[in-house]
């Protein structure tokens, strides 16, 4: 079943909350897509990474 606009909005809000929480505790979160073999449309998996933030880095596009 395809995601609805409400589903997408909820996921977006959850992702933003995750990033906010990571910023509060001094962490960085990335979510990327990694292509799988054989290469074809839609053949990928998400890769989620979390690591300590650089204390000298600025966040929020500043």
PDB file of N, CA and C in Angstrom:
ATOM      1  N   UNK A   1       0.843  -1.173   0.000  1.00  0.00           N
ATOM      2  CA  UNK A   1       0.000   0.000   0.000  1.00  0.00           C
ATOM      3  C   UNK A   1       0.896   1.247   0.000  1.00  0.00           C
ATOM      4  N   UNK A   2       0.662   2.173  -0.900  1.00  0.00           N
ATOM      5  CA  UNK A   2       1.499   3.382  -0.958  1.00  0.00           C
ATOM      6  C   UNK A   2       1.228   4.308   0.234  1.00  0.00           C
ATOM      7  N   UNK A   3       2.256   5.054   0.605  1.00  0.00           N
ATOM      8  CA  UNK A   3       2.135   6.001   1.709  1.00  0.00           C
ATOM      9  C   UNK A   3       1.201   7.140   1.322  1.00  0.00           C
ATOM     10  N   UNK A   4       0.392   7.582   2.275  1.00  0.00           N
ATOM     11  CA  UNK A   4      -0.487   8.731   2.057  1.00  0.00           C
ATOM     12  C   UNK A   4       0.275  10.006   2.401  1.00  0.00           C
ATOM     13  N   UNK A   5      -0.307  11.148   2.057  1.00  0.00           N
ATOM     14  CA  UNK A   5       0.309  12.424   2.427  1.00  0.00           C
ATOM     15  C   UNK A   5       0.409  12.553   3.941  1.00  0.00           C
ATOM     16  N   UNK A   6      -0.575  12.038   4.663  1.00  0.00           N
ATOM     17  CA  UNK A   6      -0.536  12.078   6.126  1.00  0.00           C
ATOM     18  C   UNK A   6       0.614  11.217   6.653  1.00  0.00           C
ATOM     19  N   UNK A   7       0.818  10.044   6.051  1.00  0.00           N
ATOM     20  CA  UNK A   7       1.941   9.182   6.443  1.00  0.00           C
ATOM     21  C   UNK A   7       3.266   9.918   6.250  1.00  0.00           C
ATOM     22  N   UNK A   8       3.427  10.538   5.088  1.00  0.00           N
ATOM     23  CA  UNK A   8       4.668  11.243   4.779  1.00  0.00           C
ATOM     24  C   UNK A   8       4.904  12.411   5.726  1.00  0.00           C
ATOM     25  N   UNK A   9       3.838  13.141   6.061  1.00  0.00           N
ATOM     26  CA  UNK A   9       3.954  14.269   6.985  1.00  0.00           C
ATOM     27  C   UNK A   9       4.363  13.785   8.371  1.00  0.00           C
ATOM     28  N   UNK A  10       3.806  12.654   8.808  1.00  0.00           N
ATOM     29  CA  UNK A  10       4.163  12.095  10.117  1.00  0.00           C
ATOM     30  C   UNK A  10       5.627  11.664  10.142  1.00  0.00           C
ATOM     31  N   UNK A  11       6.068  11.000   9.100  1.00  0.00           N
ATOM     32  CA  UNK A  11       7.469  10.557   9.028  1.00  0.00           C
ATOM     33  C   UNK A  11       8.402  11.760   9.010  1.00  0.00           C
ATOM     34  N   UNK A  12       8.048  12.800   8.277  1.00  0.00           N
ATOM     35  CA  UNK A  12       8.864  14.025   8.238  1.00  0.00           C
ATOM     36  C   UNK A  12       8.972  14.628   9.632  1.00  0.00           C
ATOM     37  N   UNK A  13       7.846  14.716  10.346  1.00  0.00           N
ATOM     38  CA  UNK A  13       7.850  15.285  11.691  1.00  0.00           C
ATOM     39  C   UNK A  13       8.699  14.438  12.644  1.00  0.00           C
ATOM     40  N   UNK A  14       8.597  13.116  12.521  1.00  0.00           N
ATOM     41  CA  UNK A  14       9.389  12.228  13.371  1.00  0.00           C
ATOM     42  C   UNK A  14      10.884  12.392  13.094  1.00  0.00           C
ATOM     43  N   UNK A  15      11.247  12.534  11.825  1.00  0.00           N
ATOM     44  CA  UNK A  15      12.651  12.727  11.458  1.00  0.00           C
ATOM     45  C   UNK A  15      13.172  14.048  12.020  1.00  0.00           C
ATOM     46  N   UNK A  16      12.359  15.083  11.959  1.00  0.00           N
ATOM     47  CA  UNK A  16      12.771  16.381  12.503  1.00  0.00           C
ATOM     48  C   UNK A  16      12.944  16.308  14.016  1.00  0.00           C
ATOM     49  N   UNK A  17      12.071  15.560  14.691  1.00  0.00           N
ATOM     50  CA  UNK A  17      12.219  15.372  16.137  1.00  0.00           C
ATOM     51  C   UNK A  17      13.504  14.612  16.459  1.00  0.00           C
ATOM     52  N   UNK A  18      13.823  13.617  15.648  1.00  0.00           N
ATOM     53  CA  UNK A  18      15.056  12.849  15.838  1.00  0.00           C
ATOM     54  C   UNK A  18      16.279  13.751  15.714  1.00  0.00           C
ATOM     55  N   UNK A  19      16.292  14.595  14.702  1.00  0.00           N
ATOM     56  CA  UNK A  19      17.414  15.518  14.498  1.00  0.00           C
ATOM     57  C   UNK A  19      17.506  16.506  15.652  1.00  0.00           C
ATOM     58  N   UNK A  20      16.363  17.021  16.112  1.00  0.00           N
ATOM     59  CA  UNK A  20      16.365  17.936  17.255  1.00  0.00           C
ATOM     60  C   UNK A  20      16.948  17.258  18.492  1.00  0.00           C
ATOM     61  N   UNK A  21      16.519  16.017  18.755  1.00  0.00           N
ATOM     62  CA  UNK A  21      17.035  15.287  19.920  1.00  0.00           C
ATOM     63  C   UNK A  21      18.536  15.038  19.787  1.00  0.00           C
ATOM     64  N   UNK A  22      18.971  14.678  18.590  1.00  0.00           N
ATOM     65  CA  UNK A  22      20.402  14.453  18.368  1.00  0.00           C
ATOM     66  C   UNK A  22      21.190  15.733  18.643  1.00  0.00           C
ATOM     67  N   UNK A  23      20.693  16.858  18.172  1.00  0.00           N
ATOM     68  CA  UNK A  23      21.364  18.139  18.419  1.00  0.00           C
ATOM     69  C   UNK A  23      21.446  18.440  19.912  1.00  0.00           C
ATOM     70  N   UNK A  24      20.383  18.135  20.639  1.00  0.00           N
ATOM     71  CA  UNK A  24      20.360  18.406  22.083  1.00  0.00           C
ATOM     72  C   UNK A  24      21.421  17.608  22.836  1.00  0.00           C
ATOM     73  N   UNK A  25      21.677  16.393  22.389  1.00  0.00           N
ATOM     74  CA  UNK A  25      22.638  15.549  23.099  1.00  0.00           C
ATOM     75  C   UNK A  25      24.029  15.564  22.457  1.00  0.00           C
ATOM     76  N   UNK A  26      24.186  16.371  21.401  1.00  0.00           N
ATOM     77  CA  UNK A  26      25.499  16.498  20.770  1.00  0.00           C
ATOM     78  C   UNK A  26      25.839  15.355  19.829  1.00  0.00           C
ATOM     79  N   UNK A  27      24.867  14.942  19.040  1.00  0.00           N
ATOM     80  CA  UNK A  27      25.090  13.858  18.078  1.00  0.00           C
ATOM     81  C   UNK A  27      24.671  14.315  16.685  1.00  0.00           C
ATOM     82  N   UNK A  28      25.154  13.593  15.693  1.00  0.00           N
ATOM     83  CA  UNK A  28      24.793  13.830  14.301  1.00  0.00           C
ATOM     84  C   UNK A  28      24.136  12.562  13.769  1.00  0.00           C
ATOM     85  N   UNK A  29      23.046  12.719  13.025  1.00  0.00           N
ATOM     86  CA  UNK A  29      22.330  11.587  12.435  1.00  0.00           C
ATOM     87  C   UNK A  29      22.253  11.801  10.928  1.00  0.00           C
ATOM     88  N   UNK A  30      22.554  10.761  10.165  1.00  0.00           N
ATOM     89  CA  UNK A  30      22.332  10.800   8.724  1.00  0.00           C
ATOM     90  C   UNK A  30      21.547   9.563   8.318  1.00  0.00           C
ATOM     91  N   UNK A  31      20.710   9.735   7.316  1.00  0.00           N
ATOM     92  CA  UNK A  31      19.983   8.614   6.717  1.00  0.00           C
ATOM     93  C   UNK A  31      20.240   8.691   5.223  1.00  0.00           C
ATOM     94  N   UNK A  32      20.903   7.670   4.696  1.00  0.00           N
ATOM     95  CA  UNK A  32      21.255   7.609   3.282  1.00  0.00           C
ATOM     96  C   UNK A  32      20.645   6.364   2.662  1.00  0.00           C
ATOM     97  N   UNK A  33      20.712   6.296   1.354  1.00  0.00           N
ATOM     98  CA  UNK A  33      20.299   5.097   0.631  1.00  0.00           C
ATOM     99  C   UNK A  33      21.524   4.469  -0.002  1.00  0.00           C
ATOM    100  N   UNK A  34      21.660   3.175   0.173  1.00  0.00           N
ATOM    101  CA  UNK A  34      22.779   2.440  -0.427  1.00  0.00           C
ATOM    102  C   UNK A  34      22.221   1.515  -1.497  1.00  0.00           C
ATOM    103  N   UNK A  35      22.744   1.641  -2.698  1.00  0.00           N
ATOM    104  CA  UNK A  35      22.316   0.779  -3.803  1.00  0.00           C
ATOM    105  C   UNK A  35      22.761  -0.648  -3.550  1.00  0.00           C
ATOM    106  N   UNK A  36      21.934  -1.587  -3.930  1.00  0.00           N
ATOM    107  CA  UNK A  36      22.247  -3.008  -3.801  1.00  0.00           C
ATOM    108  C   UNK A  36      22.473  -3.604  -5.180  1.00  0.00           C
ATOM    109  N   UNK A  37      23.165  -4.713  -5.216  1.00  0.00           N
ATOM    110  CA  UNK A  37      23.409  -5.427  -6.475  1.00  0.00           C
ATOM    111  C   UNK A  37      22.321  -6.466  -6.681  1.00  0.00           C
ATOM    112  N   UNK A  38      21.832  -6.696  -7.855  1.00  0.00           N
ATOM    113  CA  UNK A  38      22.149  -5.950  -9.077  1.00  0.00           C
ATOM    114  C   UNK A  38      21.484  -4.577  -9.048  1.00  0.00           C
ATOM    115  N   UNK A  39      22.136  -3.602  -9.684  1.00  0.00           N
ATOM    116  CA  UNK A  39      21.602  -2.246  -9.716  1.00  0.00           C
ATOM    117  C   UNK A  39      20.299  -2.214 -10.506  1.00  0.00           C
ATOM    118  N   UNK A  40      19.267  -1.699  -9.884  1.00  0.00           N
ATOM    119  CA  UNK A  40      17.989  -1.493 -10.568  1.00  0.00           C
ATOM    120  C   UNK A  40      17.159  -0.541  -9.717  1.00  0.00           C
ATOM    121  N   UNK A  41      16.157   0.038 -10.326  1.00  0.00           N
ATOM    122  CA  UNK A  41      15.309   1.000  -9.635  1.00  0.00           C
ATOM    123  C   UNK A  41      14.669   0.355  -8.405  1.00  0.00           C
ATOM    124  N   UNK A  42      14.738   1.036  -7.287  1.00  0.00           N
ATOM    125  CA  UNK A  42      14.108   0.564  -6.072  1.00  0.00           C
ATOM    126  C   UNK A  42      14.855  -0.524  -5.326  1.00  0.00           C
ATOM    127  N   UNK A  43      16.052  -0.867  -5.774  1.00  0.00           N
ATOM    128  CA  UNK A  43      16.833  -1.918  -5.113  1.00  0.00           C
ATOM    129  C   UNK A  43      17.898  -1.248  -4.255  1.00  0.00           C
ATOM    130  N   UNK A  44      17.487  -0.866  -3.057  1.00  0.00           N
ATOM    131  CA  UNK A  44      18.361  -0.147  -2.143  1.00  0.00           C
ATOM    132  C   UNK A  44      17.943  -0.453  -0.711  1.00  0.00           C
ATOM    133  N   UNK A  45      18.784  -0.039   0.214  1.00  0.00           N
ATOM    134  CA  UNK A  45      18.441  -0.154   1.618  1.00  0.00           C
ATOM    135  C   UNK A  45      18.865   1.118   2.335  1.00  0.00           C
ATOM    136  N   UNK A  46      18.136   1.494   3.388  1.00  0.00           N
ATOM    137  CA  UNK A  46      18.546   2.677   4.141  1.00  0.00           C
ATOM    138  C   UNK A  46      19.758   2.365   5.016  1.00  0.00           C
ATOM    139  N   UNK A  47      20.617   3.361   5.151  1.00  0.00           N
ATOM    140  CA  UNK A  47      21.783   3.258   6.022  1.00  0.00           C
ATOM    141  C   UNK A  47      21.704   4.422   6.998  1.00  0.00           C
ATOM    142  N   UNK A  48      21.597   4.106   8.277  1.00  0.00           N
ATOM    143  CA  UNK A  48      21.456   5.126   9.309  1.00  0.00           C
ATOM    144  C   UNK A  48      22.734   5.151  10.133  1.00  0.00           C
ATOM    145  N   UNK A  49      23.292   6.354  10.268  1.00  0.00           N
ATOM    146  CA  UNK A  49      24.538   6.502  11.036  1.00  0.00           C
ATOM    147  C   UNK A  49      24.338   7.572  12.109  1.00  0.00           C
ATOM    148  N   UNK A  50      24.948   7.330  13.265  1.00  0.00           N
ATOM    149  CA  UNK A  50      24.908   8.293  14.370  1.00  0.00           C
ATOM    150  C   UNK A  50      26.315   8.381  14.944  1.00  0.00           C
ATOM    151  N   UNK A  51      26.797   9.597  15.157  1.00  0.00           N
ATOM    152  CA  UNK A  51      28.116   9.777  15.752  1.00  0.00           C
ATOM    153  C   UNK A  51      28.139  11.084  16.532  1.00  0.00           C
ATOM    154  N   UNK A  52      29.117  11.243  17.414  1.00  0.00           N
ATOM    155  CA  UNK A  52      29.211  12.473  18.200  1.00  0.00           C
ATOM    156  C   UNK A  52      29.469  13.672  17.288  1.00  0.00           C
ATOM    157  N   UNK A  53      28.806  14.765  17.605  1.00  0.00           N
ATOM    158  CA  UNK A  53      28.993  15.992  16.832  1.00  0.00           C
ATOM    159  C   UNK A  53      30.328  16.634  17.178  1.00  0.00           C
ATOM    160  N   UNK A  54      30.879  17.352  16.236  1.00  0.00           N
ATOM    161  CA  UNK A  54      32.070  18.156  16.479  1.00  0.00           C
ATOM    162  C   UNK A  54      31.644  19.327  17.362  1.00  0.00           C
ATOM    163  N   UNK A  55      32.232  19.470  18.537  1.00  0.00           N
ATOM    164  CA  UNK A  55      31.793  20.535  19.447  1.00  0.00           C
ATOM    165  C   UNK A  55      32.019  21.941  18.883  1.00  0.00           C
ATOM    166  N   UNK A  56      32.876  22.077  17.878  1.00  0.00           N
ATOM    167  CA  UNK A  56      33.154  23.382  17.275  1.00  0.00           C
ATOM    168  C   UNK A  56      32.254  23.691  16.083  1.00  0.00           C
ATOM    169  N   UNK A  57      31.445  22.709  15.663  1.00  0.00           N
ATOM    170  CA  UNK A  57      30.597  22.896  14.490  1.00  0.00           C
ATOM    171  C   UNK A  57      29.356  23.697  14.850  1.00  0.00           C
ATOM    172  N   UNK A  58      28.879  24.464  13.885  1.00  0.00           N
ATOM    173  CA  UNK A  58      27.635  25.201  14.064  1.00  0.00           C
ATOM    174  C   UNK A  58      26.522  24.407  13.412  1.00  0.00           C
ATOM    175  N   UNK A  59      25.320  24.430  13.993  1.00  0.00           N
ATOM    176  CA  UNK A  59      24.188  23.690  13.439  1.00  0.00           C
ATOM    177  C   UNK A  59      23.098  24.664  13.025  1.00  0.00           C
ATOM    178  N   UNK A  60      22.105  24.125  12.335  1.00  0.00           N
ATOM    179  CA  UNK A  60      20.965  24.935  11.942  1.00  0.00           C
ATOM    180  C   UNK A  60      21.250  25.882  10.799  1.00  0.00           C
ATOM    181  N   UNK A  61      22.238  25.574   9.969  1.00  0.00           N
ATOM    182  CA  UNK A  61      22.523  26.397   8.807  1.00  0.00           C
ATOM    183  C   UNK A  61      23.176  27.718   9.151  1.00  0.00           C
ATOM    184  N   UNK A  62      23.742  27.843  10.324  1.00  0.00           N
ATOM    185  CA  UNK A  62      24.368  29.106  10.742  1.00  0.00           C
ATOM    186  C   UNK A  62      25.773  29.195  10.232  1.00  0.00           C
TER     187      UNK A  62
END
